[in-house]
Amino acid sequence: MSICPKNKSSKGRRDRRRANWKMSATTLVKCSKCGALMIPHRVCKACGSYNKREIISTED
């Protein structure tokens, strides 16, 4: 059996419910090694380090 609504939901009520699905800005933090902005808990794209250790060697 499927769920059947007993009463009609108005457009306003429907749209108010859907209004909470919005995009949020990406959280950025400074890298502890080079100071570049990066996503937390990820390898830094600028220097290739994570948790003050070099994970990916970068050729400059």
PDB file of N, CA and C in Angstrom:
ATOM      1  N   MET A   1       0.834  -1.174   0.000  1.00  0.00           N
ATOM      2  CA  MET A   1       0.000   0.000   0.000  1.00  0.00           C
ATOM      3  C   MET A   1       0.886   1.246   0.000  1.00  0.00           C
ATOM      4  N   SER A   2       0.405   2.246  -0.675  1.00  0.00           N
ATOM      5  CA  SER A   2       1.163   3.491  -0.728  1.00  0.00           C
ATOM      6  C   SER A   2       0.511   4.541   0.162  1.00  0.00           C
ATOM      7  N   ILE A   3       1.239   5.589   0.410  1.00  0.00           N
ATOM      8  CA  ILE A   3       0.748   6.654   1.268  1.00  0.00           C
ATOM      9  C   ILE A   3      -0.158   7.572   0.457  1.00  0.00           C
ATOM     10  N   CYS A   4      -1.355   7.831   0.956  1.00  0.00           N
ATOM     11  CA  CYS A   4      -2.294   8.742   0.298  1.00  0.00           C
ATOM     12  C   CYS A   4      -2.609   9.887   1.254  1.00  0.00           C
ATOM     13  N   PRO A   5      -2.385  11.129   0.810  1.00  0.00           N
ATOM     14  CA  PRO A   5      -2.724  12.253   1.677  1.00  0.00           C
ATOM     15  C   PRO A   5      -4.237  12.387   1.836  1.00  0.00           C
ATOM     16  N   LYS A   6      -4.688  12.694   3.062  1.00  0.00           N
ATOM     17  CA  LYS A   6      -6.124  12.834   3.319  1.00  0.00           C
ATOM     18  C   LYS A   6      -6.664  14.140   2.747  1.00  0.00           C
ATOM     19  N   ASN A   7      -5.865  15.216   2.824  1.00  0.00           N
ATOM     20  CA  ASN A   7      -6.299  16.520   2.355  1.00  0.00           C
ATOM     21  C   ASN A   7      -5.288  17.087   1.368  1.00  0.00           C
ATOM     22  N   LYS A   8      -5.745  18.022   0.554  1.00  0.00           N
ATOM     23  CA  LYS A   8      -4.866  18.673  -0.417  1.00  0.00           C
ATOM     24  C   LYS A   8      -3.909  19.628   0.300  1.00  0.00           C
ATOM     25  N   SER A   9      -2.653  19.573  -0.079  1.00  0.00           N
ATOM     26  CA  SER A   9      -1.685  20.542   0.432  1.00  0.00           C
ATOM     27  C   SER A   9      -1.703  21.755  -0.484  1.00  0.00           C
ATOM     28  N   SER A  10      -1.797  22.933   0.109  1.00  0.00           N
ATOM     29  CA  SER A  10      -1.843  24.152  -0.698  1.00  0.00           C
ATOM     30  C   SER A  10      -0.470  24.432  -1.302  1.00  0.00           C
ATOM     31  N   LYS A  11      -0.442  25.291  -2.308  1.00  0.00           N
ATOM     32  CA  LYS A  11       0.824  25.630  -2.968  1.00  0.00           C
ATOM     33  C   LYS A  11       1.765  26.325  -2.003  1.00  0.00           C
ATOM     34  N   GLY A  12       1.217  27.146  -1.122  1.00  0.00           N
ATOM     35  CA  GLY A  12       2.042  27.844  -0.141  1.00  0.00           C
ATOM     36  C   GLY A  12       2.695  26.891   0.842  1.00  0.00           C
ATOM     37  N   ARG A  13       1.932  25.935   1.342  1.00  0.00           N
ATOM     38  CA  ARG A  13       2.481  24.949   2.282  1.00  0.00           C
ATOM     39  C   ARG A  13       3.531  24.082   1.603  1.00  0.00           C
ATOM     40  N   ARG A  14       3.241  23.687   0.363  1.00  0.00           N
ATOM     41  CA  ARG A  14       4.194  22.876  -0.404  1.00  0.00           C
ATOM     42  C   ARG A  14       5.488  23.642  -0.636  1.00  0.00           C
ATOM     43  N   ASP A  15       5.369  24.904  -1.039  1.00  0.00           N
ATOM     44  CA  ASP A  15       6.559  25.691  -1.341  1.00  0.00           C
ATOM     45  C   ASP A  15       7.357  26.042  -0.090  1.00  0.00           C
ATOM     46  N   ARG A  16       6.673  26.228   1.045  1.00  0.00           N
ATOM     47  CA  ARG A  16       7.381  26.475   2.302  1.00  0.00           C
ATOM     48  C   ARG A  16       8.191  25.260   2.716  1.00  0.00           C
ATOM     49  N   ARG A  17       7.681  24.083   2.464  1.00  0.00           N
ATOM     50  CA  ARG A  17       8.405  22.856   2.781  1.00  0.00           C
ATOM     51  C   ARG A  17       9.637  22.710   1.886  1.00  0.00           C
ATOM     52  N   ARG A  18       9.488  23.078   0.626  1.00  0.00           N
ATOM     53  CA  ARG A  18      10.589  22.943  -0.329  1.00  0.00           C
ATOM     54  C   ARG A  18      11.607  24.070  -0.218  1.00  0.00           C
ATOM     55  N   ALA A  19      11.296  25.121   0.525  1.00  0.00           N
ATOM     56  CA  ALA A  19      12.188  26.281   0.617  1.00  0.00           C
ATOM     57  C   ALA A  19      13.453  25.972   1.404  1.00  0.00           C
ATOM     58  N   ASN A  20      13.453  24.886   2.176  1.00  0.00           N
ATOM     59  CA  ASN A  20      14.625  24.560   2.994  1.00  0.00           C
ATOM     60  C   ASN A  20      15.713  23.859   2.192  1.00  0.00           C
ATOM     61  N   TRP A  21      15.435  23.468   0.954  1.00  0.00           N
ATOM     62  CA  TRP A  21      16.431  22.820   0.108  1.00  0.00           C
ATOM     63  C   TRP A  21      17.198  23.903  -0.636  1.00  0.00           C
ATOM     64  N   LYS A  22      18.203  24.462  -0.010  1.00  0.00           N
ATOM     65  CA  LYS A  22      18.973  25.513  -0.648  1.00  0.00           C
ATOM     66  C   LYS A  22      20.459  25.199  -0.548  1.00  0.00           C
ATOM     67  N   MET A  23      21.191  25.777  -1.453  1.00  0.00           N
ATOM     68  CA  MET A  23      22.630  25.565  -1.477  1.00  0.00           C
ATOM     69  C   MET A  23      23.272  26.368  -0.352  1.00  0.00           C
ATOM     70  N   SER A  24      24.359  25.854   0.182  1.00  0.00           N
ATOM     71  CA  SER A  24      25.123  26.582   1.191  1.00  0.00           C
ATOM     72  C   SER A  24      26.545  26.755   0.687  1.00  0.00           C
ATOM     73  N   ALA A  25      27.188  27.792   1.154  1.00  0.00           N
ATOM     74  CA  ALA A  25      28.560  28.069   0.731  1.00  0.00           C
ATOM     75  C   ALA A  25      29.496  26.989   1.267  1.00  0.00           C
ATOM     76  N   THR A  26      30.502  26.647   0.483  1.00  0.00           N
ATOM     77  CA  THR A  26      31.476  25.649   0.885  1.00  0.00           C
ATOM     78  C   THR A  26      32.336  26.196   2.018  1.00  0.00           C
ATOM     79  N   THR A  27      32.559  25.388   3.047  1.00  0.00           N
ATOM     80  CA  THR A  27      33.399  25.784   4.166  1.00  0.00           C
ATOM     81  C   THR A  27      34.860  25.684   3.751  1.00  0.00           C
ATOM     82  N   LEU A  28      35.598  26.748   3.954  1.00  0.00           N
ATOM     83  CA  LEU A  28      37.016  26.770   3.620  1.00  0.00           C
ATOM     84  C   LEU A  28      37.828  27.113   4.866  1.00  0.00           C
ATOM     85  N   VAL A  29      38.982  26.461   5.003  1.00  0.00           N
ATOM     86  CA  VAL A  29      39.906  26.737   6.101  1.00  0.00           C
ATOM     87  C   VAL A  29      41.287  26.985   5.505  1.00  0.00           C
ATOM     88  N   LYS A  30      42.168  27.602   6.291  1.00  0.00           N
ATOM     89  CA  LYS A  30      43.532  27.839   5.834  1.00  0.00           C
ATOM     90  C   LYS A  30      44.374  26.593   6.062  1.00  0.00           C
ATOM     91  N   CYS A  31      45.215  26.282   5.085  1.00  0.00           N
ATOM     92  CA  CYS A  31      46.147  25.155   5.211  1.00  0.00           C
ATOM     93  C   CYS A  31      47.164  25.489   6.299  1.00  0.00           C
ATOM     94  N   SER A  32      47.458  24.508   7.161  1.00  0.00           N
ATOM     95  CA  SER A  32      48.390  24.753   8.269  1.00  0.00           C
ATOM     96  C   SER A  32      49.840  24.869   7.798  1.00  0.00           C
ATOM     97  N   LYS A  33      50.118  24.395   6.581  1.00  0.00           N
ATOM     98  CA  LYS A  33      51.494  24.430   6.088  1.00  0.00           C
ATOM     99  C   LYS A  33      51.753  25.639   5.192  1.00  0.00           C
ATOM    100  N   CYS A  34      50.876  25.871   4.196  1.00  0.00           N
ATOM    101  CA  CYS A  34      51.133  26.950   3.237  1.00  0.00           C
ATOM    102  C   CYS A  34      50.174  28.136   3.389  1.00  0.00           C
ATOM    103  N   GLY A  35      49.050  27.972   4.092  1.00  0.00           N
ATOM    104  CA  GLY A  35      48.125  29.064   4.313  1.00  0.00           C
ATOM    105  C   GLY A  35      47.095  29.253   3.210  1.00  0.00           C
ATOM    106  N   ALA A  36      47.070  28.390   2.212  1.00  0.00           N
ATOM    107  CA  ALA A  36      46.089  28.499   1.130  1.00  0.00           C
ATOM    108  C   ALA A  36      44.722  28.018   1.624  1.00  0.00           C
ATOM    109  N   LEU A  37      43.643  28.519   1.013  1.00  0.00           N
ATOM    110  CA  LEU A  37      42.303  28.079   1.382  1.00  0.00           C
ATOM    111  C   LEU A  37      42.045  26.689   0.823  1.00  0.00           C
ATOM    112  N   MET A  38      41.457  25.826   1.651  1.00  0.00           N
ATOM    113  CA  MET A  38      41.190  24.449   1.253  1.00  0.00           C
ATOM    114  C   MET A  38      39.953  23.939   1.966  1.00  0.00           C
ATOM    115  N   ILE A  39      39.382  22.845   1.475  1.00  0.00           N
ATOM    116  CA  ILE A  39      38.255  22.197   2.129  1.00  0.00           C
ATOM    117  C   ILE A  39      38.800  21.414   3.325  1.00  0.00           C
ATOM    118  N   PRO A  40      38.153  21.492   4.502  1.00  0.00           N
ATOM    119  CA  PRO A  40      38.678  20.780   5.667  1.00  0.00           C
ATOM    120  C   PRO A  40      38.692  19.263   5.475  1.00  0.00           C
ATOM    121  N   HIS A  41      39.668  18.618   6.075  1.00  0.00           N
ATOM    122  CA  HIS A  41      39.845  17.162   6.047  1.00  0.00           C
ATOM    123  C   HIS A  41      40.123  16.638   4.643  1.00  0.00           C
ATOM    124  N   ARG A  42      40.789  17.447   3.818  1.00  0.00           N
ATOM    125  CA  ARG A  42      41.185  17.048   2.471  1.00  0.00           C
ATOM    126  C   ARG A  42      42.652  17.420   2.280  1.00  0.00           C
ATOM    127  N   VAL A  43      43.291  16.825   1.286  1.00  0.00           N
ATOM    128  CA  VAL A  43      44.664  17.176   0.947  1.00  0.00           C
ATOM    129  C   VAL A  43      44.655  18.559   0.302  1.00  0.00           C
ATOM    130  N   CYS A  44      45.607  19.400   0.686  1.00  0.00           N
ATOM    131  CA  CYS A  44      45.712  20.754   0.134  1.00  0.00           C
ATOM    132  C   CYS A  44      46.146  20.659  -1.327  1.00  0.00           C
ATOM    133  N   LYS A  45      45.421  21.375  -2.203  1.00  0.00           N
ATOM    134  CA  LYS A  45      45.760  21.340  -3.624  1.00  0.00           C
ATOM    135  C   LYS A  45      46.997  22.167  -3.934  1.00  0.00           C
ATOM    136  N   ALA A  46      47.318  23.138  -3.082  1.00  0.00           N
ATOM    137  CA  ALA A  46      48.461  24.014  -3.342  1.00  0.00           C
ATOM    138  C   ALA A  46      49.784  23.337  -3.003  1.00  0.00           C
ATOM    139  N   CYS A  47      49.862  22.726  -1.809  1.00  0.00           N
ATOM    140  CA  CYS A  47      51.152  22.147  -1.391  1.00  0.00           C
ATOM    141  C   CYS A  47      51.129  20.623  -1.284  1.00  0.00           C
ATOM    142  N   GLY A  48      49.965  19.999  -1.352  1.00  0.00           N
ATOM    143  CA  GLY A  48      49.879  18.546  -1.314  1.00  0.00           C
ATOM    144  C   GLY A  48      50.063  17.950   0.067  1.00  0.00           C
ATOM    145  N   SER A  49      49.796  18.729   1.113  1.00  0.00           N
ATOM    146  CA  SER A  49      49.984  18.224   2.465  1.00  0.00           C
ATOM    147  C   SER A  49      48.649  18.019   3.163  1.00  0.00           C
ATOM    148  N   TYR A  50      48.655  17.137   4.157  1.00  0.00           N
ATOM    149  CA  TYR A  50      47.495  16.905   5.006  1.00  0.00           C
ATOM    150  C   TYR A  50      48.009  16.645   6.411  1.00  0.00           C
ATOM    151  N   ASN A  51      47.467  17.368   7.369  1.00  0.00           N
ATOM    152  CA  ASN A  51      47.859  17.226   8.773  1.00  0.00           C
ATOM    153  C   ASN A  51      49.361  17.466   8.949  1.00  0.00           C
ATOM    154  N   LYS A  52      49.870  18.507   8.280  1.00  0.00           N
ATOM    155  CA  LYS A  52      51.269  18.951   8.326  1.00  0.00           C
ATOM    156  C   LYS A  52      52.253  17.915   7.779  1.00  0.00           C
ATOM    157  N   ARG A  53      51.770  16.925   7.020  1.00  0.00           N
ATOM    158  CA  ARG A  53      52.645  15.948   6.371  1.00  0.00           C
ATOM    159  C   ARG A  53      52.435  16.014   4.882  1.00  0.00           C
ATOM    160  N   GLU A  54      53.498  15.846   4.107  1.00  0.00           N
ATOM    161  CA  GLU A  54      53.385  15.873   2.652  1.00  0.00           C
ATOM    162  C   GLU A  54      52.858  14.531   2.169  1.00  0.00           C
ATOM    163  N   ILE A  55      51.715  14.570   1.529  1.00  0.00           N
ATOM    164  CA  ILE A  55      51.070  13.352   1.027  1.00  0.00           C
ATOM    165  C   ILE A  55      51.346  13.206  -0.464  1.00  0.00           C
ATOM    166  N   ILE A  56      51.195  14.304  -1.212  1.00  0.00           N
ATOM    167  CA  ILE A  56      51.422  14.313  -2.655  1.00  0.00           C
ATOM    168  C   ILE A  56      52.605  15.220  -2.941  1.00  0.00           C
ATOM    169  N   SER A  57      53.574  14.698  -3.657  1.00  0.00           N
ATOM    170  CA  SER A  57      54.736  15.542  -3.996  1.00  0.00           C
ATOM    171  C   SER A  57      54.357  16.476  -5.139  1.00  0.00           C
ATOM    172  N   THR A  58      54.610  17.766  -4.937  1.00  0.00           N
ATOM    173  CA  THR A  58      54.299  18.770  -5.956  1.00  0.00           C
ATOM    174  C   THR A  58      55.573  19.210  -6.638  1.00  0.00           C
ATOM    175  N   GLU A  59      55.526  19.235  -7.955  1.00  0.00           N
ATOM    176  CA  GLU A  59      56.678  19.675  -8.750  1.00  0.00           C
ATOM    177  C   GLU A  59      56.481  21.132  -9.107  1.00  0.00           C
ATOM    178  N   ASP A  60      57.229  22.057  -8.485  1.00  0.00           N
ATOM    179  CA  ASP A  60      57.093  23.482  -8.774  1.00  0.00           C
ATOM    180  C   ASP A  60      58.095  23.937  -9.782  1.00  0.00           C
TER     181      ASP A  60
END
